[in-house]
Structure formats: C-alpha cells, structure tokens
Amino acid sequence: MTRDQAYEILTKYMKGEHYITHSLAVEAIMRGLAKRLAPDDVEYWGIAGLLHDLDEEQCDWQHDLSVHGPTSVEILKKGIDDPILFGAICAHNPKSGVKAKTKIQYALLAADPMSGFLKAVAQIYPDKKIASVKRKSVLKRFNEARFAKGANRDYMESIEFTGLMLEDLIDIGLEEMCAISDELGL
C-alpha cells in the first residue's frame, strides 16, 4: 500500500477535520521515529500512523473501547492482508486485547497521545504555534497531571521499549509536526 492509497482509504472512512489532522500528526511522528528506528520503513511506519484511528467514526468505541483498532483492521482486510500493520493498529489501543511487543507497536502507542499532547502545549502559547514549543515546556507540562489529562503518560513513556527516551519522542514529535504545521493548523 502506498501513502496515497492509505490517504484515500482514510478520507473515505474519516470525515471529521480534527480526526484527519490528528492522523496526519501521528503519521508525521511515526515517520520521524522510523528514521531513527527503522530507516528502511519510513513510509510504512507513516502509513501505520495515518491509519491508526481509521475506525474513529465507524464504531462505538466511546461505549466499548475494545472495538477501537479491530474495527480498523476489519475495514483494511477488505483490500489488504498485512498482519504487521494490523498488529500495530490494534496495539495502539491496549483495550483491544493486543499488547505492544514490537518497535512499531510501541512507537504507535507512544506517538498517538504525544501528538495530542504537543498540540495541547502549543495551544497555551500566545501564537498557538507548534514552532514556539520547546522540549523543556513539554516536560514541565508532562509532569502536571491535570494538564491534557486525556493524554496517557504511560503510553508516551512506552517509547523507551524501542530504545529511545521520552525526550527523543518529544524532539521528534516537535520537529515532524513543525514540518507539517500548516496542514495541522499549528
């Protein structure tokens, strides 16, 4: 599957602008992580990030979180057979029953909440621009439990299972989201 094909699938099943920009942010972070962890698979990791929430508008995950991930896999199975991609998509939501075990799975588990966390930090700056955000500010807010409380800190820290540190994830996230800041409205 190419990135263009993945984006076509995404926009077929996902219409909400917020969901699409979130998917683009996670794609960007995953591409950045792949540059460090799997340089030969940058596009593939990006596709995993792009499609990780494909089912966001297709299932009732608000009432049963276990369906978030597996529903995306069922949609994707209509056109592809890719157990690695399917495993990463399911593992980004441990409530799906799939526990992260591989680098791509841990990367996606960490990148998903980090994208929203970085956006939340940017939103408190006067210019609301991701380019204004520095790692020190992110770490300060990371330790404030009430700030962006929906962003799971344990999931973000799981990046350490890949051999990277939280600081690396922050730096990569900031760099990659800055690179597409116009698309993200940041």
C-alpha atoms as a PDB file:
ATOM      1  CA  MET A   1       0.000   0.000   0.000  1.00  0.00           C
ATOM      2  CA  THR A   2       1.305   3.441  -0.869  1.00  0.00           C
ATOM      3  CA  ARG A   3       0.855   6.568   1.192  1.00  0.00           C
ATOM      4  CA  ASP A   4      -1.571   7.943  -1.422  1.00  0.00           C
ATOM      5  CA  GLN A   5      -3.668   4.776  -1.218  1.00  0.00           C
ATOM      6  CA  ALA A   6      -3.657   4.968   2.582  1.00  0.00           C
ATOM      7  CA  TYR A   7      -4.765   8.608   2.497  1.00  0.00           C
ATOM      8  CA  GLU A   8      -7.570   7.709   0.085  1.00  0.00           C
ATOM      9  CA  ILE A   9      -8.774   4.996   2.473  1.00  0.00           C
ATOM     10  CA  LEU A  10      -8.504   7.399   5.414  1.00  0.00           C
ATOM     11  CA  THR A  11     -10.627  10.076   3.771  1.00  0.00           C
ATOM     12  CA  LYS A  12     -13.177   7.518   2.608  1.00  0.00           C
ATOM     13  CA  TYR A  13     -13.899   6.436   6.189  1.00  0.00           C
ATOM     14  CA  MET A  14     -12.983   9.568   8.135  1.00  0.00           C
ATOM     15  CA  LYS A  15     -14.664  12.925   7.543  1.00  0.00           C
ATOM     16  CA  GLY A  16     -14.017  14.927  10.728  1.00  0.00           C
ATOM     17  CA  GLU A  17     -11.282  17.513  10.227  1.00  0.00           C
ATOM     18  CA  HIS A  18      -9.986  17.050  13.790  1.00  0.00           C
ATOM     19  CA  TYR A  19      -9.591  13.303  13.266  1.00  0.00           C
ATOM     20  CA  ILE A  20      -7.819  13.810   9.947  1.00  0.00           C
ATOM     21  CA  THR A  21      -5.352  16.361  11.330  1.00  0.00           C
ATOM     22  CA  HIS A  22      -4.683  14.058  14.294  1.00  0.00           C
ATOM     23  CA  SER A  23      -3.976  11.212  11.870  1.00  0.00           C
ATOM     24  CA  LEU A  24      -1.597  13.430   9.880  1.00  0.00           C
ATOM     25  CA  ALA A  25       0.241  14.403  13.080  1.00  0.00           C
ATOM     26  CA  VAL A  26       0.640  10.775  14.157  1.00  0.00           C
ATOM     27  CA  GLU A  27       1.793   9.879  10.640  1.00  0.00           C
ATOM     28  CA  ALA A  28       4.458  12.593  10.825  1.00  0.00           C
ATOM     29  CA  ILE A  29       5.699  11.453  14.235  1.00  0.00           C
ATOM     30  CA  MET A  30       5.786   7.825  13.102  1.00  0.00           C
ATOM     31  CA  ARG A  31       7.833   8.791  10.039  1.00  0.00           C
ATOM     32  CA  GLY A  32      10.262  10.618  12.316  1.00  0.00           C
ATOM     33  CA  LEU A  33      10.506   7.671  14.678  1.00  0.00           C
ATOM     34  CA  ALA A  34      11.117   5.327  11.757  1.00  0.00           C
ATOM     35  CA  LYS A  35      14.037   7.488  10.594  1.00  0.00           C
ATOM     36  CA  ARG A  36      15.706   6.522  13.884  1.00  0.00           C
ATOM     37  CA  LEU A  37      14.332   3.014  14.454  1.00  0.00           C
ATOM     38  CA  ALA A  38      13.571   1.535  11.020  1.00  0.00           C
ATOM     39  CA  PRO A  39      15.133   3.733   8.302  1.00  0.00           C
ATOM     40  CA  ASP A  40      14.093   1.367   5.521  1.00  0.00           C
ATOM     41  CA  ASP A  41      10.441   1.521   6.588  1.00  0.00           C
ATOM     42  CA  VAL A  42       9.732   5.242   6.945  1.00  0.00           C
ATOM     43  CA  GLU A  43       6.733   5.237   4.585  1.00  0.00           C
ATOM     44  CA  TYR A  44       5.328   2.048   6.113  1.00  0.00           C
ATOM     45  CA  TRP A  45       5.515   3.431   9.656  1.00  0.00           C
ATOM     46  CA  GLY A  46       3.914   6.629   8.401  1.00  0.00           C
ATOM     47  CA  ILE A  47       1.038   4.645   6.936  1.00  0.00           C
ATOM     48  CA  ALA A  48       0.544   2.918  10.296  1.00  0.00           C
ATOM     49  CA  GLY A  49       0.277   6.350  11.915  1.00  0.00           C
ATOM     50  CA  LEU A  50      -2.044   7.658   9.231  1.00  0.00           C
ATOM     51  CA  LEU A  51      -4.467   4.738   9.529  1.00  0.00           C
ATOM     52  CA  HIS A  52      -4.268   4.041  13.272  1.00  0.00           C
ATOM     53  CA  ASP A  53      -7.654   5.680  14.004  1.00  0.00           C
ATOM     54  CA  LEU A  54      -9.383   4.692  10.755  1.00  0.00           C
ATOM     55  CA  ASP A  55     -12.404   3.390  12.688  1.00  0.00           C
ATOM     56  CA  GLU A  56     -12.846   6.548  14.774  1.00  0.00           C
ATOM     57  CA  GLU A  57     -16.164   7.371  13.062  1.00  0.00           C
ATOM     58  CA  GLN A  58     -17.037   3.764  12.200  1.00  0.00           C
ATOM     59  CA  CYS A  59     -17.588   2.104  15.571  1.00  0.00           C
ATOM     60  CA  ASP A  60     -18.991   2.862  19.007  1.00  0.00           C
ATOM     61  CA  TRP A  61     -15.615   2.950  20.761  1.00  0.00           C
ATOM     62  CA  GLN A  62     -16.902   5.508  23.295  1.00  0.00           C
ATOM     63  CA  HIS A  63     -19.024   2.760  24.870  1.00  0.00           C
ATOM     64  CA  ASP A  64     -16.754  -0.201  24.124  1.00  0.00           C
ATOM     65  CA  LEU A  65     -13.093   0.714  23.722  1.00  0.00           C
ATOM     66  CA  SER A  66     -12.207  -2.882  22.815  1.00  0.00           C
ATOM     67  CA  VAL A  67     -13.616  -2.362  19.292  1.00  0.00           C
ATOM     68  CA  HIS A  68     -11.200   0.510  18.524  1.00  0.00           C
ATOM     69  CA  GLY A  69      -8.435  -0.974  16.405  1.00  0.00           C
ATOM     70  CA  PRO A  70     -10.056  -4.272  15.479  1.00  0.00           C
ATOM     71  CA  THR A  71     -12.721  -2.367  13.526  1.00  0.00           C
ATOM     72  CA  SER A  72      -9.963  -0.596  11.564  1.00  0.00           C
ATOM     73  CA  VAL A  73      -8.412  -3.975  10.800  1.00  0.00           C
ATOM     74  CA  GLU A  74     -11.732  -5.321   9.512  1.00  0.00           C
ATOM     75  CA  ILE A  75     -12.043  -2.308   7.199  1.00  0.00           C
ATOM     76  CA  LEU A  76      -8.482  -2.741   5.932  1.00  0.00           C
ATOM     77  CA  LYS A  77      -8.885  -6.502   5.411  1.00  0.00           C
ATOM     78  CA  LYS A  78     -11.259  -5.684   2.547  1.00  0.00           C
ATOM     79  CA  GLY A  79      -8.239  -4.661   0.500  1.00  0.00           C
ATOM     80  CA  ILE A  80      -5.004  -5.835   2.125  1.00  0.00           C
ATOM     81  CA  ASP A  81      -3.510  -8.581   4.266  1.00  0.00           C
ATOM     82  CA  ASP A  82      -0.819  -7.067   6.475  1.00  0.00           C
ATOM     83  CA  PRO A  83      -0.511  -8.636   9.938  1.00  0.00           C
ATOM     84  CA  ILE A  84       2.285  -6.245  10.993  1.00  0.00           C
ATOM     85  CA  LEU A  85       0.183  -3.187  10.186  1.00  0.00           C
ATOM     86  CA  PHE A  86      -2.890  -4.760  11.767  1.00  0.00           C
ATOM     87  CA  GLY A  87      -0.950  -5.582  14.935  1.00  0.00           C
ATOM     88  CA  ALA A  88       0.372  -2.030  15.243  1.00  0.00           C
ATOM     89  CA  ILE A  89      -3.096  -0.537  14.773  1.00  0.00           C
ATOM     90  CA  CYS A  90      -4.597  -2.791  17.432  1.00  0.00           C
ATOM     91  CA  ALA A  91      -1.683  -2.397  19.863  1.00  0.00           C
ATOM     92  CA  HIS A  92      -2.044   1.400  19.912  1.00  0.00           C
ATOM     93  CA  ASN A  93      -5.164   0.682  21.996  1.00  0.00           C
ATOM     94  CA  PRO A  94      -4.289  -1.941  24.631  1.00  0.00           C
ATOM     95  CA  LYS A  95      -8.009  -2.281  25.444  1.00  0.00           C
ATOM     96  CA  SER A  96      -8.311  -4.020  22.047  1.00  0.00           C
ATOM     97  CA  GLY A  97      -6.620  -7.021  23.653  1.00  0.00           C
ATOM     98  CA  VAL A  98      -3.344  -6.612  21.735  1.00  0.00           C
ATOM     99  CA  LYS A  99      -0.323  -5.695  23.872  1.00  0.00           C
ATOM    100  CA  ALA A 100       2.564  -3.857  22.229  1.00  0.00           C
ATOM    101  CA  LYS A 101       5.585  -6.106  21.679  1.00  0.00           C
ATOM    102  CA  THR A 102       7.438  -4.747  18.640  1.00  0.00           C
ATOM    103  CA  LYS A 103       9.133  -1.425  17.944  1.00  0.00           C
ATOM    104  CA  ILE A 104       6.422  -0.281  15.526  1.00  0.00           C
ATOM    105  CA  GLN A 105       3.731  -1.180  18.061  1.00  0.00           C
ATOM    106  CA  TYR A 106       5.427   0.711  20.906  1.00  0.00           C
ATOM    107  CA  ALA A 107       6.155   3.634  18.593  1.00  0.00           C
ATOM    108  CA  LEU A 108       2.497   3.959  17.599  1.00  0.00           C
ATOM    109  CA  LEU A 109       1.347   3.518  21.193  1.00  0.00           C
ATOM    110  CA  ALA A 110       3.600   6.440  22.180  1.00  0.00           C
ATOM    111  CA  ALA A 111       3.118   8.665  19.114  1.00  0.00           C
ATOM    112  CA  ASP A 112      -0.677   8.713  19.335  1.00  0.00           C
ATOM    113  CA  PRO A 113      -1.002  10.542  22.679  1.00  0.00           C
ATOM    114  CA  MET A 114       2.167  12.574  22.061  1.00  0.00           C
ATOM    115  CA  SER A 115       0.612  14.228  19.016  1.00  0.00           C
ATOM    116  CA  GLY A 116      -2.315  15.489  21.061  1.00  0.00           C
ATOM    117  CA  PHE A 117      -0.114  16.436  23.986  1.00  0.00           C
ATOM    118  CA  LEU A 118       2.148  18.577  21.801  1.00  0.00           C
ATOM    119  CA  LYS A 119      -0.886  20.242  20.264  1.00  0.00           C
ATOM    120  CA  ALA A 120      -2.233  20.994  23.764  1.00  0.00           C
ATOM    121  CA  VAL A 121       1.077  22.578  24.764  1.00  0.00           C
ATOM    122  CA  ALA A 122       1.088  24.693  21.593  1.00  0.00           C
ATOM    123  CA  GLN A 123      -2.436  25.900  22.372  1.00  0.00           C
ATOM    124  CA  ILE A 124      -1.313  27.592  25.601  1.00  0.00           C
ATOM    125  CA  TYR A 125       1.263  29.725  23.773  1.00  0.00           C
ATOM    126  CA  PRO A 126       0.105  33.201  22.688  1.00  0.00           C
ATOM    127  CA  ASP A 127       0.686  32.412  18.988  1.00  0.00           C
ATOM    128  CA  LYS A 128      -0.630  28.828  19.321  1.00  0.00           C
ATOM    129  CA  LYS A 129       2.190  27.628  17.041  1.00  0.00           C
ATOM    130  CA  ILE A 130       3.988  24.317  17.420  1.00  0.00           C
ATOM    131  CA  ALA A 131       7.201  26.078  16.327  1.00  0.00           C
ATOM    132  CA  SER A 132       7.142  28.057  19.585  1.00  0.00           C
ATOM    133  CA  VAL A 133       7.083  24.945  21.769  1.00  0.00           C
ATOM    134  CA  LYS A 134      10.319  23.776  23.389  1.00  0.00           C
ATOM    135  CA  ARG A 135      11.126  20.416  24.948  1.00  0.00           C
ATOM    136  CA  LYS A 136      11.526  22.000  28.413  1.00  0.00           C
ATOM    137  CA  SER A 137       7.925  23.276  28.284  1.00  0.00           C
ATOM    138  CA  VAL A 138       6.642  19.884  27.182  1.00  0.00           C
ATOM    139  CA  LEU A 139       8.459  18.117  30.022  1.00  0.00           C
ATOM    140  CA  LYS A 140       7.153  20.648  32.548  1.00  0.00           C
ATOM    141  CA  ARG A 141       3.567  20.077  31.374  1.00  0.00           C
ATOM    142  CA  PHE A 142       4.150  16.316  31.208  1.00  0.00           C
ATOM    143  CA  ASN A 143       4.634  16.314  34.964  1.00  0.00           C
ATOM    144  CA  GLU A 144       1.410  18.252  35.572  1.00  0.00           C
ATOM    145  CA  ALA A 145      -1.201  15.511  35.915  1.00  0.00           C
ATOM    146  CA  ARG A 146      -4.123  17.879  35.270  1.00  0.00           C
ATOM    147  CA  PHE A 147      -2.686  19.211  32.017  1.00  0.00           C
ATOM    148  CA  ALA A 148      -4.036  17.340  28.968  1.00  0.00           C
ATOM    149  CA  LYS A 149      -5.101  14.589  31.352  1.00  0.00           C
ATOM    150  CA  GLY A 150      -6.510  12.508  28.499  1.00  0.00           C
ATOM    151  CA  ALA A 151      -3.017  12.058  27.041  1.00  0.00           C
ATOM    152  CA  ASN A 152      -1.770   8.831  28.586  1.00  0.00           C
ATOM    153  CA  ARG A 153       1.699   9.459  30.040  1.00  0.00           C
ATOM    154  CA  ASP A 154       2.432   5.748  30.419  1.00  0.00           C
ATOM    155  CA  TYR A 155       1.785   5.208  26.714  1.00  0.00           C
ATOM    156  CA  MET A 156       4.109   8.076  25.803  1.00  0.00           C
ATOM    157  CA  GLU A 157       6.816   6.717  28.103  1.00  0.00           C
ATOM    158  CA  SER A 158       6.482   3.293  26.462  1.00  0.00           C
ATOM    159  CA  ILE A 159       8.716   4.695  23.704  1.00  0.00           C
ATOM    160  CA  GLU A 160      11.542   3.550  25.972  1.00  0.00           C
ATOM    161  CA  PHE A 161      10.811  -0.056  24.907  1.00  0.00           C
ATOM    162  CA  THR A 162      12.144   0.936  21.467  1.00  0.00           C
ATOM    163  CA  GLY A 163      15.458   2.146  22.880  1.00  0.00           C
ATOM    164  CA  LEU A 164      14.532   5.830  22.593  1.00  0.00           C
ATOM    165  CA  MET A 165      13.862   8.128  25.520  1.00  0.00           C
ATOM    166  CA  LEU A 166      10.833  10.331  26.178  1.00  0.00           C
ATOM    167  CA  GLU A 167      12.971  13.353  25.293  1.00  0.00           C
ATOM    168  CA  ASP A 168      13.687  11.799  21.886  1.00  0.00           C
ATOM    169  CA  LEU A 169       9.973  11.317  21.286  1.00  0.00           C
ATOM    170  CA  ILE A 170       9.297  14.940  22.210  1.00  0.00           C
ATOM    171  CA  ASP A 171      12.061  16.234  19.952  1.00  0.00           C
ATOM    172  CA  ILE A 172      10.957  14.071  17.037  1.00  0.00           C
ATOM    173  CA  GLY A 173       7.321  14.986  17.575  1.00  0.00           C
ATOM    174  CA  LEU A 174       8.077  18.707  17.633  1.00  0.00           C
ATOM    175  CA  GLU A 175      10.300  18.535  14.555  1.00  0.00           C
ATOM    176  CA  GLU A 176       7.912  16.428  12.491  1.00  0.00           C
ATOM    177  CA  MET A 177       4.774  18.337  13.494  1.00  0.00           C
ATOM    178  CA  CYS A 178       6.552  21.641  12.748  1.00  0.00           C
ATOM    179  CA  ALA A 179       7.322  20.340   9.265  1.00  0.00           C
ATOM    180  CA  ILE A 180       3.578  20.000   8.543  1.00  0.00           C
ATOM    181  CA  SER A 181       2.336  22.775  10.819  1.00  0.00           C
ATOM    182  CA  ASP A 182       0.288  24.429   8.064  1.00  0.00           C
ATOM    183  CA  GLU A 183      -1.635  21.189   7.467  1.00  0.00           C
ATOM    184  CA  LEU A 184      -2.184  20.852  11.207  1.00  0.00           C
ATOM    185  CA  GLY A 185      -3.259  24.453  11.719  1.00  0.00           C
ATOM    186  CA  LEU A 186      -0.412  24.886  14.196  1.00  0.00           C
END
